[in-house]
Amino acid sequence: ASCLVAAAGQEVAGKRTFASEDSRREEAGRLFELAMTHKNRGATEQAAQLFDEVAEIASDNHDAQYHAGMAHLQAGDLAKARRRWLQCIQLKPDHIVCLFNLATLLAEQGEVQEAVDIMEKVVVKQPGDADNHKTLAILKFKQNHNGEAVEHYIKCIKEAPLHADCYCGMGNAFVKIGKYAEAQEAYTAAVNINPGEA
């Protein structure tokens, strides 16, 4: 027998290897269940560590990478969340939820253009989602691209006519480009939908 054939769970050069595909899947499944138990108990750091182990074992599985990213986000480790989500997208480029979450994370870290690039892909893949347009509008507003922000707020409202946040955001964008009458109309619509916006 070859010395390179590892027993189930054995570590070779720092990476776990398994005697069979079934044993690899079984161990990933066992750790996933354990991670979920910790998550449900509110033990976010322990859950993140276990989800990361799952992601290492199932390095070819986009869902494993996505869940590990979510766990790291909940544990407050944004760098690891970002790394896992990038791996998820590398495995499945059209993972819409992962793309959306990554864009949000990048925006929070000040990488607004990178976030815009991702969200522009998202709205092409999922044009009928109001929150996708709202998120892209917010990013365009941050870049001072207020005309484009208005366009996406309008698309948001088309998909969700009672979306008060979109009317409010659109009002802010109209103010920036000096269209005060349109801004007032948008603010009024927001207040009519949600008096708390006043």
N, C-alpha and C. Protein backbone atom coordinates (compact mmCIF):
# COMPACT_ATOMS: atom_id res chain seq x y z
N ALA A 1 0.84 -1.20 0.00
CA ALA A 1 0.00 0.00 0.00
C ALA A 1 0.87 1.24 0.00
N SER A 2 0.38 2.27 -0.63
CA SER A 2 1.15 3.51 -0.71
C SER A 2 1.13 4.24 0.62
N CYS A 3 2.28 4.85 0.97
CA CYS A 3 2.36 5.65 2.20
C CYS A 3 1.53 6.91 2.09
N LEU A 4 1.12 7.29 0.87
CA LEU A 4 0.38 8.53 0.66
C LEU A 4 -1.11 8.35 0.92
N VAL A 5 -1.56 7.13 1.07
CA VAL A 5 -2.97 6.90 1.35
C VAL A 5 -3.20 7.09 2.84
N ALA A 6 -4.02 8.09 3.18
CA ALA A 6 -4.23 8.44 4.59
C ALA A 6 -5.46 7.74 5.14
N ALA A 7 -5.42 7.44 6.41
CA ALA A 7 -6.59 6.89 7.09
C ALA A 7 -7.61 7.99 7.29
N ALA A 8 -8.86 7.61 7.52
CA ALA A 8 -9.93 8.60 7.72
C ALA A 8 -9.59 9.54 8.85
N GLY A 9 -9.64 10.83 8.55
CA GLY A 9 -9.39 11.82 9.58
C GLY A 9 -7.92 12.13 9.79
N GLN A 10 -7.02 11.43 9.14
CA GLN A 10 -5.60 11.68 9.32
C GLN A 10 -5.22 13.03 8.73
N GLU A 11 -4.22 13.69 9.33
CA GLU A 11 -3.76 14.97 8.79
C GLU A 11 -2.50 14.76 7.97
N VAL A 12 -2.51 15.28 6.76
CA VAL A 12 -1.34 15.25 5.89
C VAL A 12 -1.01 16.68 5.51
N ALA A 13 0.18 17.12 5.88
CA ALA A 13 0.63 18.49 5.60
C ALA A 13 -0.40 19.51 6.09
N GLY A 14 -0.95 19.26 7.28
CA GLY A 14 -1.86 20.22 7.90
C GLY A 14 -3.29 20.17 7.41
N LYS A 15 -3.58 19.25 6.46
CA LYS A 15 -4.95 19.17 5.93
C LYS A 15 -5.49 17.77 6.16
N ARG A 16 -6.72 17.70 6.67
CA ARG A 16 -7.32 16.40 6.93
C ARG A 16 -7.63 15.69 5.62
N THR A 17 -7.33 14.40 5.60
CA THR A 17 -7.68 13.59 4.45
C THR A 17 -8.49 12.39 4.94
N PHE A 18 -9.18 11.74 4.01
CA PHE A 18 -10.11 10.68 4.39
C PHE A 18 -9.93 9.47 3.48
N ALA A 19 -10.22 8.31 4.05
CA ALA A 19 -10.04 7.06 3.32
C ALA A 19 -11.02 6.93 2.17
N SER A 20 -12.17 7.60 2.30
CA SER A 20 -13.18 7.51 1.24
C SER A 20 -13.99 8.79 1.20
N GLU A 21 -14.70 8.97 0.09
CA GLU A 21 -15.58 10.13 -0.05
C GLU A 21 -16.70 10.07 0.98
N ASP A 22 -17.19 8.87 1.25
CA ASP A 22 -18.27 8.72 2.24
C ASP A 22 -17.82 9.17 3.62
N SER A 23 -16.60 8.80 4.01
CA SER A 23 -16.11 9.19 5.34
C SER A 23 -15.91 10.70 5.43
N ARG A 24 -15.50 11.30 4.32
CA ARG A 24 -15.36 12.76 4.30
C ARG A 24 -16.71 13.43 4.48
N ARG A 25 -17.71 12.96 3.75
CA ARG A 25 -19.05 13.54 3.87
C ARG A 25 -19.65 13.33 5.26
N GLU A 26 -19.42 12.15 5.81
CA GLU A 26 -19.95 11.85 7.15
C GLU A 26 -19.35 12.79 8.20
N GLU A 27 -18.05 13.02 8.11
CA GLU A 27 -17.40 13.89 9.09
C GLU A 27 -17.85 15.34 8.91
N ALA A 28 -18.00 15.78 7.67
CA ALA A 28 -18.50 17.13 7.42
C ALA A 28 -19.92 17.28 7.98
N GLY A 29 -20.74 16.25 7.77
CA GLY A 29 -22.11 16.29 8.29
C GLY A 29 -22.16 16.29 9.80
N ARG A 30 -21.28 15.51 10.42
CA ARG A 30 -21.24 15.46 11.89
C ARG A 30 -20.85 16.82 12.46
N LEU A 31 -19.82 17.43 11.88
CA LEU A 31 -19.37 18.73 12.37
C LEU A 31 -20.40 19.81 12.09
N PHE A 32 -21.09 19.70 10.96
CA PHE A 32 -22.13 20.68 10.65
C PHE A 32 -23.24 20.65 11.70
N GLU A 33 -23.68 19.46 12.07
CA GLU A 33 -24.72 19.33 13.10
C GLU A 33 -24.25 19.90 14.43
N LEU A 34 -23.00 19.63 14.77
CA LEU A 34 -22.43 20.16 16.01
C LEU A 34 -22.35 21.69 15.96
N ALA A 35 -21.96 22.22 14.80
CA ALA A 35 -21.90 23.67 14.63
C ALA A 35 -23.28 24.30 14.79
N MET A 36 -24.30 23.67 14.23
CA MET A 36 -25.66 24.17 14.35
C MET A 36 -26.12 24.18 15.80
N THR A 37 -25.73 23.16 16.54
CA THR A 37 -26.07 23.09 17.97
C THR A 37 -25.48 24.28 18.71
N HIS A 38 -24.20 24.56 18.46
CA HIS A 38 -23.54 25.72 19.11
C HIS A 38 -24.20 27.03 18.67
N LYS A 39 -24.52 27.12 17.38
CA LYS A 39 -25.16 28.33 16.88
C LYS A 39 -26.49 28.57 17.58
N ASN A 40 -27.29 27.52 17.70
CA ASN A 40 -28.61 27.65 18.32
C ASN A 40 -28.53 27.97 19.80
N ARG A 41 -27.41 27.67 20.42
CA ARG A 41 -27.18 28.00 21.83
C ARG A 41 -26.60 29.40 22.00
N GLY A 42 -26.28 30.05 20.88
CA GLY A 42 -25.72 31.39 20.94
C GLY A 42 -24.21 31.41 21.10
N ALA A 43 -23.57 30.24 20.97
CA ALA A 43 -22.11 30.17 21.09
C ALA A 43 -21.50 30.44 19.71
N THR A 44 -21.48 31.70 19.33
CA THR A 44 -21.13 32.06 17.95
C THR A 44 -19.68 31.76 17.59
N GLU A 45 -18.75 31.96 18.52
CA GLU A 45 -17.34 31.73 18.19
C GLU A 45 -17.06 30.25 17.99
N GLN A 46 -17.63 29.41 18.88
CA GLN A 46 -17.44 27.96 18.72
C GLN A 46 -18.11 27.48 17.44
N ALA A 47 -19.29 28.02 17.15
CA ALA A 47 -19.99 27.65 15.92
C ALA A 47 -19.16 28.03 14.70
N ALA A 48 -18.58 29.22 14.71
CA ALA A 48 -17.78 29.68 13.58
C ALA A 48 -16.57 28.77 13.36
N GLN A 49 -15.94 28.36 14.46
CA GLN A 49 -14.78 27.48 14.35
C GLN A 49 -15.17 26.14 13.71
N LEU A 50 -16.32 25.61 14.13
CA LEU A 50 -16.78 24.33 13.59
C LEU A 50 -17.23 24.46 12.13
N PHE A 51 -17.96 25.53 11.82
CA PHE A 51 -18.36 25.75 10.43
C PHE A 51 -17.13 25.89 9.54
N ASP A 52 -16.07 26.49 10.08
CA ASP A 52 -14.84 26.64 9.31
C ASP A 52 -14.20 25.28 9.04
N GLU A 53 -14.25 24.40 10.05
CA GLU A 53 -13.74 23.05 9.84
C GLU A 53 -14.52 22.34 8.74
N VAL A 54 -15.84 22.51 8.76
CA VAL A 54 -16.68 21.93 7.71
C VAL A 54 -16.25 22.46 6.34
N ALA A 55 -16.03 23.78 6.28
CA ALA A 55 -15.64 24.41 5.01
C ALA A 55 -14.29 23.90 4.52
N GLU A 56 -13.39 23.58 5.44
CA GLU A 56 -12.10 23.04 5.05
C GLU A 56 -12.25 21.62 4.51
N ILE A 57 -13.06 20.82 5.19
CA ILE A 57 -13.28 19.43 4.75
C ILE A 57 -14.02 19.42 3.42
N ALA A 58 -15.06 20.23 3.33
CA ALA A 58 -15.89 20.31 2.11
C ALA A 58 -15.48 21.53 1.30
N SER A 59 -14.23 21.60 0.94
CA SER A 59 -13.71 22.78 0.26
C SER A 59 -14.29 22.95 -1.14
N ASP A 60 -14.93 21.89 -1.65
CA ASP A 60 -15.54 21.95 -2.98
C ASP A 60 -17.03 22.25 -2.93
N ASN A 61 -17.54 22.57 -1.74
CA ASN A 61 -18.98 22.77 -1.55
C ASN A 61 -19.27 24.24 -1.26
N HIS A 62 -20.00 24.89 -2.17
CA HIS A 62 -20.25 26.33 -2.00
C HIS A 62 -21.10 26.63 -0.76
N ASP A 63 -22.04 25.74 -0.43
CA ASP A 63 -22.87 25.98 0.75
C ASP A 63 -22.05 25.96 2.03
N ALA A 64 -21.07 25.07 2.09
CA ALA A 64 -20.20 25.00 3.26
C ALA A 64 -19.43 26.31 3.43
N GLN A 65 -18.97 26.87 2.31
CA GLN A 65 -18.25 28.15 2.37
C GLN A 65 -19.19 29.27 2.81
N TYR A 66 -20.41 29.25 2.27
CA TYR A 66 -21.39 30.30 2.61
C TYR A 66 -21.72 30.26 4.10
N HIS A 67 -22.04 29.08 4.62
CA HIS A 67 -22.40 28.96 6.04
C HIS A 67 -21.24 29.37 6.94
N ALA A 68 -20.03 29.01 6.55
CA ALA A 68 -18.87 29.42 7.34
C ALA A 68 -18.74 30.94 7.35
N GLY A 69 -18.99 31.56 6.20
CA GLY A 69 -18.96 33.03 6.13
C GLY A 69 -19.98 33.66 7.05
N MET A 70 -21.20 33.13 7.03
CA MET A 70 -22.26 33.66 7.90
C MET A 70 -21.87 33.51 9.37
N ALA A 71 -21.30 32.36 9.71
CA ALA A 71 -20.91 32.12 11.10
C ALA A 71 -19.82 33.10 11.54
N HIS A 72 -18.86 33.35 10.66
CA HIS A 72 -17.80 34.30 11.00
C HIS A 72 -18.36 35.72 11.13
N LEU A 73 -19.33 36.06 10.28
CA LEU A 73 -19.97 37.37 10.39
C LEU A 73 -20.64 37.52 11.75
N GLN A 74 -21.38 36.50 12.16
CA GLN A 74 -22.08 36.55 13.44
C GLN A 74 -21.11 36.57 14.61
N ALA A 75 -19.92 36.00 14.42
CA ALA A 75 -18.89 36.01 15.46
C ALA A 75 -18.06 37.28 15.43
N GLY A 76 -18.30 38.14 14.42
CA GLY A 76 -17.61 39.42 14.35
C GLY A 76 -16.29 39.40 13.61
N ASP A 77 -15.97 38.29 12.94
CA ASP A 77 -14.71 38.20 12.20
C ASP A 77 -15.00 38.46 10.72
N LEU A 78 -14.96 39.73 10.33
CA LEU A 78 -15.33 40.12 8.98
C LEU A 78 -14.33 39.64 7.93
N ALA A 79 -13.06 39.57 8.29
CA ALA A 79 -12.05 39.13 7.33
C ALA A 79 -12.29 37.68 6.93
N LYS A 80 -12.60 36.83 7.91
CA LYS A 80 -12.85 35.42 7.60
C LYS A 80 -14.18 35.26 6.86
N ALA A 81 -15.17 36.07 7.22
CA ALA A 81 -16.45 36.02 6.51
C ALA A 81 -16.22 36.35 5.04
N ARG A 82 -15.47 37.38 4.82
CA ARG A 82 -15.17 37.80 3.44
C ARG A 82 -14.45 36.70 2.68
N ARG A 83 -13.46 36.08 3.30
CA ARG A 83 -12.69 35.03 2.62
C ARG A 83 -13.58 33.85 2.24
N ARG A 84 -14.44 33.43 3.16
CA ARG A 84 -15.32 32.29 2.87
C ARG A 84 -16.34 32.63 1.78
N TRP A 85 -16.87 33.84 1.80
CA TRP A 85 -17.84 34.22 0.77
C TRP A 85 -17.19 34.32 -0.60
N LEU A 86 -15.95 34.78 -0.63
CA LEU A 86 -15.22 34.82 -1.92
C LEU A 86 -15.02 33.40 -2.45
N GLN A 87 -14.74 32.46 -1.54
CA GLN A 87 -14.59 31.06 -1.95
C GLN A 87 -15.92 30.50 -2.44
N CYS A 88 -17.01 30.87 -1.77
CA CYS A 88 -18.34 30.43 -2.19
C CYS A 88 -18.62 30.90 -3.62
N ILE A 89 -18.35 32.15 -3.89
CA ILE A 89 -18.63 32.73 -5.21
C ILE A 89 -17.71 32.14 -6.28
N GLN A 90 -16.50 31.79 -5.88
CA GLN A 90 -15.60 31.15 -6.82
C GLN A 90 -16.17 29.79 -7.26
N LEU A 91 -16.81 29.10 -6.31
CA LEU A 91 -17.41 27.80 -6.61
C LEU A 91 -18.76 27.94 -7.31
N LYS A 92 -19.51 28.98 -6.93
CA LYS A 92 -20.83 29.20 -7.54
C LYS A 92 -21.01 30.70 -7.79
N PRO A 93 -20.59 31.19 -8.95
CA PRO A 93 -20.60 32.63 -9.23
C PRO A 93 -21.98 33.29 -9.15
N ASP A 94 -23.05 32.51 -9.31
CA ASP A 94 -24.39 33.11 -9.29
C ASP A 94 -25.11 32.90 -7.95
N HIS A 95 -24.36 32.72 -6.88
CA HIS A 95 -24.96 32.58 -5.54
C HIS A 95 -25.42 33.97 -5.08
N ILE A 96 -26.68 34.29 -5.36
CA ILE A 96 -27.20 35.65 -5.19
C ILE A 96 -27.09 36.14 -3.75
N VAL A 97 -27.49 35.32 -2.80
CA VAL A 97 -27.47 35.75 -1.39
C VAL A 97 -26.05 36.02 -0.94
N CYS A 98 -25.12 35.17 -1.36
CA CYS A 98 -23.72 35.37 -1.00
C CYS A 98 -23.17 36.65 -1.64
N LEU A 99 -23.50 36.88 -2.90
CA LEU A 99 -23.07 38.10 -3.58
C LEU A 99 -23.60 39.33 -2.84
N PHE A 100 -24.88 39.29 -2.47
CA PHE A 100 -25.51 40.42 -1.77
C PHE A 100 -24.81 40.67 -0.43
N ASN A 101 -24.58 39.60 0.32
CA ASN A 101 -23.93 39.75 1.63
C ASN A 101 -22.50 40.27 1.49
N LEU A 102 -21.79 39.77 0.50
CA LEU A 102 -20.42 40.23 0.28
C LEU A 102 -20.40 41.70 -0.09
N ALA A 103 -21.32 42.12 -0.94
CA ALA A 103 -21.40 43.54 -1.32
C ALA A 103 -21.65 44.41 -0.10
N THR A 104 -22.57 43.97 0.75
CA THR A 104 -22.87 44.73 1.97
C THR A 104 -21.65 44.83 2.87
N LEU A 105 -20.93 43.73 3.01
CA LEU A 105 -19.72 43.71 3.84
C LEU A 105 -18.65 44.63 3.27
N LEU A 106 -18.44 44.56 1.97
CA LEU A 106 -17.43 45.42 1.34
C LEU A 106 -17.77 46.89 1.52
N ALA A 107 -19.06 47.22 1.39
CA ALA A 107 -19.48 48.61 1.57
C ALA A 107 -19.19 49.08 3.00
N GLU A 108 -19.45 48.22 3.97
CA GLU A 108 -19.19 48.57 5.37
C GLU A 108 -17.70 48.77 5.61
N GLN A 109 -16.87 48.10 4.83
CA GLN A 109 -15.42 48.23 4.98
C GLN A 109 -14.85 49.35 4.11
N GLY A 110 -15.75 50.11 3.48
CA GLY A 110 -15.32 51.26 2.70
C GLY A 110 -14.95 50.96 1.26
N GLU A 111 -15.14 49.74 0.82
CA GLU A 111 -14.82 49.36 -0.56
C GLU A 111 -16.09 49.48 -1.41
N VAL A 112 -16.53 50.72 -1.58
CA VAL A 112 -17.83 50.97 -2.19
C VAL A 112 -17.86 50.58 -3.66
N GLN A 113 -16.82 50.88 -4.42
CA GLN A 113 -16.82 50.54 -5.84
C GLN A 113 -16.90 49.02 -6.04
N GLU A 114 -16.17 48.28 -5.21
CA GLU A 114 -16.22 46.82 -5.30
C GLU A 114 -17.63 46.32 -5.00
N ALA A 115 -18.27 46.96 -4.00
CA ALA A 115 -19.65 46.60 -3.65
C ALA A 115 -20.59 46.91 -4.80
N VAL A 116 -20.40 48.07 -5.44
CA VAL A 116 -21.23 48.45 -6.59
C VAL A 116 -21.08 47.43 -7.72
N ASP A 117 -19.85 47.04 -8.00
CA ASP A 117 -19.60 46.07 -9.08
C ASP A 117 -20.37 44.78 -8.84
N ILE A 118 -20.39 44.33 -7.59
CA ILE A 118 -21.10 43.09 -7.26
C ILE A 118 -22.61 43.30 -7.36
N MET A 119 -23.12 44.40 -6.82
CA MET A 119 -24.56 44.63 -6.83
C MET A 119 -25.09 44.84 -8.24
N GLU A 120 -24.29 45.40 -9.12
CA GLU A 120 -24.72 45.54 -10.51
C GLU A 120 -24.92 44.16 -11.15
N LYS A 121 -24.11 43.20 -10.78
CA LYS A 121 -24.30 41.82 -11.25
C LYS A 121 -25.57 41.23 -10.65
N VAL A 122 -25.80 41.53 -9.37
CA VAL A 122 -26.96 40.98 -8.68
C VAL A 122 -28.26 41.47 -9.32
N VAL A 123 -28.36 42.77 -9.61
CA VAL A 123 -29.61 43.30 -10.17
C VAL A 123 -29.85 42.78 -11.59
N VAL A 124 -28.79 42.44 -12.29
CA VAL A 124 -28.96 41.83 -13.61
C VAL A 124 -29.53 40.42 -13.46
N LYS A 125 -29.01 39.68 -12.49
CA LYS A 125 -29.46 38.31 -12.28
C LYS A 125 -30.83 38.24 -11.62
N GLN A 126 -31.16 39.25 -10.81
CA GLN A 126 -32.41 39.25 -10.05
C GLN A 126 -33.05 40.64 -10.11
N PRO A 127 -33.51 41.05 -11.30
CA PRO A 127 -33.99 42.43 -11.49
C PRO A 127 -35.31 42.74 -10.79
N GLY A 128 -36.04 41.73 -10.40
CA GLY A 128 -37.34 41.98 -9.79
C GLY A 128 -37.33 42.09 -8.28
N ASP A 129 -36.15 42.17 -7.68
CA ASP A 129 -36.03 42.26 -6.22
C ASP A 129 -35.84 43.71 -5.80
N ALA A 130 -36.79 44.24 -5.06
CA ALA A 130 -36.75 45.66 -4.65
C ALA A 130 -35.53 45.98 -3.80
N ASP A 131 -35.18 45.09 -2.89
CA ASP A 131 -34.05 45.37 -1.98
C ASP A 131 -32.72 45.39 -2.71
N ASN A 132 -32.61 44.62 -3.80
CA ASN A 132 -31.38 44.70 -4.61
C ASN A 132 -31.21 46.10 -5.18
N HIS A 133 -32.31 46.65 -5.73
CA HIS A 133 -32.25 48.00 -6.30
C HIS A 133 -32.02 49.05 -5.20
N LYS A 134 -32.64 48.85 -4.06
CA LYS A 134 -32.44 49.77 -2.94
C LYS A 134 -30.98 49.79 -2.51
N THR A 135 -30.38 48.61 -2.38
CA THR A 135 -28.98 48.52 -1.95
C THR A 135 -28.05 49.18 -2.96
N LEU A 136 -28.30 48.93 -4.25
CA LEU A 136 -27.46 49.56 -5.28
C LEU A 136 -27.68 51.07 -5.28
N ALA A 137 -28.90 51.52 -5.07
CA ALA A 137 -29.19 52.96 -5.00
C ALA A 137 -28.42 53.61 -3.86
N ILE A 138 -28.41 52.96 -2.70
CA ILE A 138 -27.67 53.50 -1.54
C ILE A 138 -26.18 53.62 -1.87
N LEU A 139 -25.63 52.60 -2.53
CA LEU A 139 -24.22 52.63 -2.89
C LEU A 139 -23.92 53.74 -3.90
N LYS A 140 -24.81 53.91 -4.88
CA LYS A 140 -24.63 54.98 -5.87
C LYS A 140 -24.71 56.35 -5.19
N PHE A 141 -25.58 56.47 -4.20
CA PHE A 141 -25.71 57.71 -3.44
C PHE A 141 -24.41 58.00 -2.68
N LYS A 142 -23.82 56.96 -2.10
CA LYS A 142 -22.55 57.13 -1.38
C LYS A 142 -21.46 57.62 -2.31
N GLN A 143 -21.54 57.22 -3.58
CA GLN A 143 -20.55 57.64 -4.56
C GLN A 143 -20.88 59.01 -5.17
N ASN A 144 -21.99 59.59 -4.73
CA ASN A 144 -22.46 60.86 -5.27
C ASN A 144 -22.93 60.73 -6.72
N HIS A 145 -23.31 59.52 -7.11
CA HIS A 145 -23.91 59.29 -8.43
C HIS A 145 -25.43 59.32 -8.25
N ASN A 146 -25.92 60.51 -8.01
CA ASN A 146 -27.30 60.64 -7.53
C ASN A 146 -28.36 60.36 -8.59
N GLY A 147 -28.05 60.67 -9.84
CA GLY A 147 -28.99 60.34 -10.90
C GLY A 147 -29.20 58.84 -11.02
N GLU A 148 -28.11 58.10 -10.94
CA GLU A 148 -28.21 56.64 -10.99
C GLU A 148 -28.90 56.11 -9.74
N ALA A 149 -28.67 56.75 -8.61
CA ALA A 149 -29.35 56.35 -7.38
C ALA A 149 -30.86 56.49 -7.55
N VAL A 150 -31.29 57.62 -8.12
CA VAL A 150 -32.73 57.84 -8.36
C VAL A 150 -33.29 56.74 -9.25
N GLU A 151 -32.56 56.38 -10.31
CA GLU A 151 -33.04 55.34 -11.23
C GLU A 151 -33.30 54.02 -10.49
N HIS A 152 -32.42 53.68 -9.59
CA HIS A 152 -32.60 52.41 -8.87
C HIS A 152 -33.66 52.52 -7.78
N TYR A 153 -33.80 53.71 -7.19
CA TYR A 153 -34.91 53.88 -6.24
C TYR A 153 -36.25 53.75 -6.97
N ILE A 154 -36.33 54.27 -8.18
CA ILE A 154 -37.56 54.15 -8.97
C ILE A 154 -37.85 52.68 -9.27
N LYS A 155 -36.81 51.92 -9.60
CA LYS A 155 -36.99 50.49 -9.87
C LYS A 155 -37.41 49.75 -8.60
N CYS A 156 -36.86 50.18 -7.46
CA CYS A 156 -37.26 49.60 -6.18
C CYS A 156 -38.74 49.82 -5.93
N ILE A 157 -39.18 51.05 -6.17
CA ILE A 157 -40.59 51.41 -5.92
C ILE A 157 -41.52 50.70 -6.91
N LYS A 158 -41.04 50.50 -8.13
CA LYS A 158 -41.83 49.76 -9.11
C LYS A 158 -42.13 48.35 -8.62
N GLU A 159 -41.12 47.73 -7.99
CA GLU A 159 -41.30 46.37 -7.48
C GLU A 159 -42.01 46.34 -6.14
N ALA A 160 -41.85 47.41 -5.35
CA ALA A 160 -42.46 47.46 -4.01
C ALA A 160 -43.02 48.87 -3.78
N PRO A 161 -44.23 49.14 -4.28
CA PRO A 161 -44.80 50.50 -4.24
C PRO A 161 -44.94 51.09 -2.84
N LEU A 162 -44.94 50.27 -1.82
CA LEU A 162 -45.09 50.78 -0.45
C LEU A 162 -43.77 50.76 0.32
N HIS A 163 -42.66 50.83 -0.41
CA HIS A 163 -41.33 50.79 0.21
C HIS A 163 -40.94 52.21 0.64
N ALA A 164 -41.29 52.57 1.86
CA ALA A 164 -41.05 53.94 2.34
C ALA A 164 -39.58 54.33 2.32
N ASP A 165 -38.70 53.39 2.65
CA ASP A 165 -37.26 53.69 2.66
C ASP A 165 -36.78 54.14 1.28
N CYS A 166 -37.33 53.52 0.24
CA CYS A 166 -36.91 53.89 -1.11
C CYS A 166 -37.37 55.30 -1.48
N TYR A 167 -38.59 55.66 -1.07
CA TYR A 167 -39.05 57.04 -1.30
C TYR A 167 -38.17 58.03 -0.55
N CYS A 168 -37.84 57.69 0.67
CA CYS A 168 -37.01 58.59 1.49
C CYS A 168 -35.62 58.74 0.87
N GLY A 169 -35.01 57.61 0.48
CA GLY A 169 -33.69 57.66 -0.15
C GLY A 169 -33.72 58.41 -1.46
N MET A 170 -34.80 58.22 -2.22
CA MET A 170 -34.94 58.94 -3.49
C MET A 170 -35.04 60.44 -3.24
N GLY A 171 -35.76 60.83 -2.18
CA GLY A 171 -35.84 62.24 -1.83
C GLY A 171 -34.48 62.82 -1.55
N ASN A 172 -33.66 62.08 -0.81
CA ASN A 172 -32.30 62.55 -0.50
C ASN A 172 -31.47 62.73 -1.77
N ALA A 173 -31.62 61.79 -2.71
CA ALA A 173 -30.87 61.88 -3.96
C ALA A 173 -31.35 63.07 -4.80
N PHE A 174 -32.66 63.31 -4.80
CA PHE A 174 -33.19 64.46 -5.54
C PHE A 174 -32.65 65.77 -4.95
N VAL A 175 -32.55 65.84 -3.64
CA VAL A 175 -32.00 67.05 -3.01
C VAL A 175 -30.57 67.30 -3.50
N LYS A 176 -29.79 66.24 -3.58
CA LYS A 176 -28.39 66.37 -4.00
C LYS A 176 -28.25 66.92 -5.41
N ILE A 177 -29.25 66.61 -6.27
CA ILE A 177 -29.15 67.12 -7.65
C ILE A 177 -30.02 68.35 -7.86
N GLY A 178 -30.53 68.91 -6.77
CA GLY A 178 -31.24 70.17 -6.83
C GLY A 178 -32.68 70.08 -7.30
N LYS A 179 -33.26 68.89 -7.30
CA LYS A 179 -34.66 68.74 -7.70
C LYS A 179 -35.53 68.70 -6.44
N TYR A 180 -35.77 69.90 -5.90
CA TYR A 180 -36.41 70.00 -4.58
C TYR A 180 -37.90 69.64 -4.61
N ALA A 181 -38.59 69.98 -5.70
CA ALA A 181 -40.01 69.64 -5.79
C ALA A 181 -40.18 68.11 -5.83
N GLU A 182 -39.33 67.43 -6.62
CA GLU A 182 -39.39 65.98 -6.69
C GLU A 182 -39.02 65.36 -5.34
N ALA A 183 -38.04 65.99 -4.67
CA ALA A 183 -37.64 65.51 -3.35
C ALA A 183 -38.81 65.60 -2.38
N GLN A 184 -39.52 66.71 -2.39
CA GLN A 184 -40.66 66.89 -1.49
C GLN A 184 -41.75 65.85 -1.77
N GLU A 185 -41.98 65.57 -3.04
CA GLU A 185 -42.98 64.55 -3.40
C GLU A 185 -42.57 63.18 -2.85
N ALA A 186 -41.29 62.88 -2.97
CA ALA A 186 -40.81 61.59 -2.48
C ALA A 186 -40.92 61.50 -0.96
N TYR A 187 -40.54 62.59 -0.27
CA TYR A 187 -40.65 62.60 1.19
C TYR A 187 -42.11 62.47 1.63
N THR A 188 -42.99 63.15 0.92
CA THR A 188 -44.41 63.08 1.26
C THR A 188 -44.93 61.66 1.10
N ALA A 189 -44.54 61.01 0.00
CA ALA A 189 -44.95 59.62 -0.21
C ALA A 189 -44.44 58.72 0.90
N ALA A 190 -43.20 58.94 1.33
CA ALA A 190 -42.63 58.13 2.41
C ALA A 190 -43.42 58.29 3.70
N VAL A 191 -43.78 59.53 4.01
CA VAL A 191 -44.53 59.81 5.25
C VAL A 191 -45.94 59.23 5.16
N ASN A 192 -46.55 59.31 3.99
CA ASN A 192 -47.90 58.76 3.82
C ASN A 192 -47.89 57.24 4.03
N ILE A 193 -46.81 56.58 3.59
CA ILE A 193 -46.72 55.14 3.77
C ILE A 193 -46.37 54.80 5.22
N ASN A 194 -45.42 55.56 5.75
CA ASN A 194 -44.94 55.30 7.11
C ASN A 194 -44.78 56.63 7.84
N PRO A 195 -45.76 56.99 8.65
CA PRO A 195 -45.68 58.28 9.37
C PRO A 195 -44.42 58.42 10.22
N GLY A 196 -43.80 57.32 10.54
CA GLY A 196 -42.56 57.37 11.33
C GLY A 196 -41.40 57.98 10.57
N GLU A 197 -41.54 58.12 9.25
CA GLU A 197 -40.47 58.74 8.45
C GLU A 197 -40.46 60.26 8.60
N ALA A 198 -41.51 60.81 9.21
CA ALA A 198 -41.61 62.28 9.32
C ALA A 198 -40.52 62.83 10.20
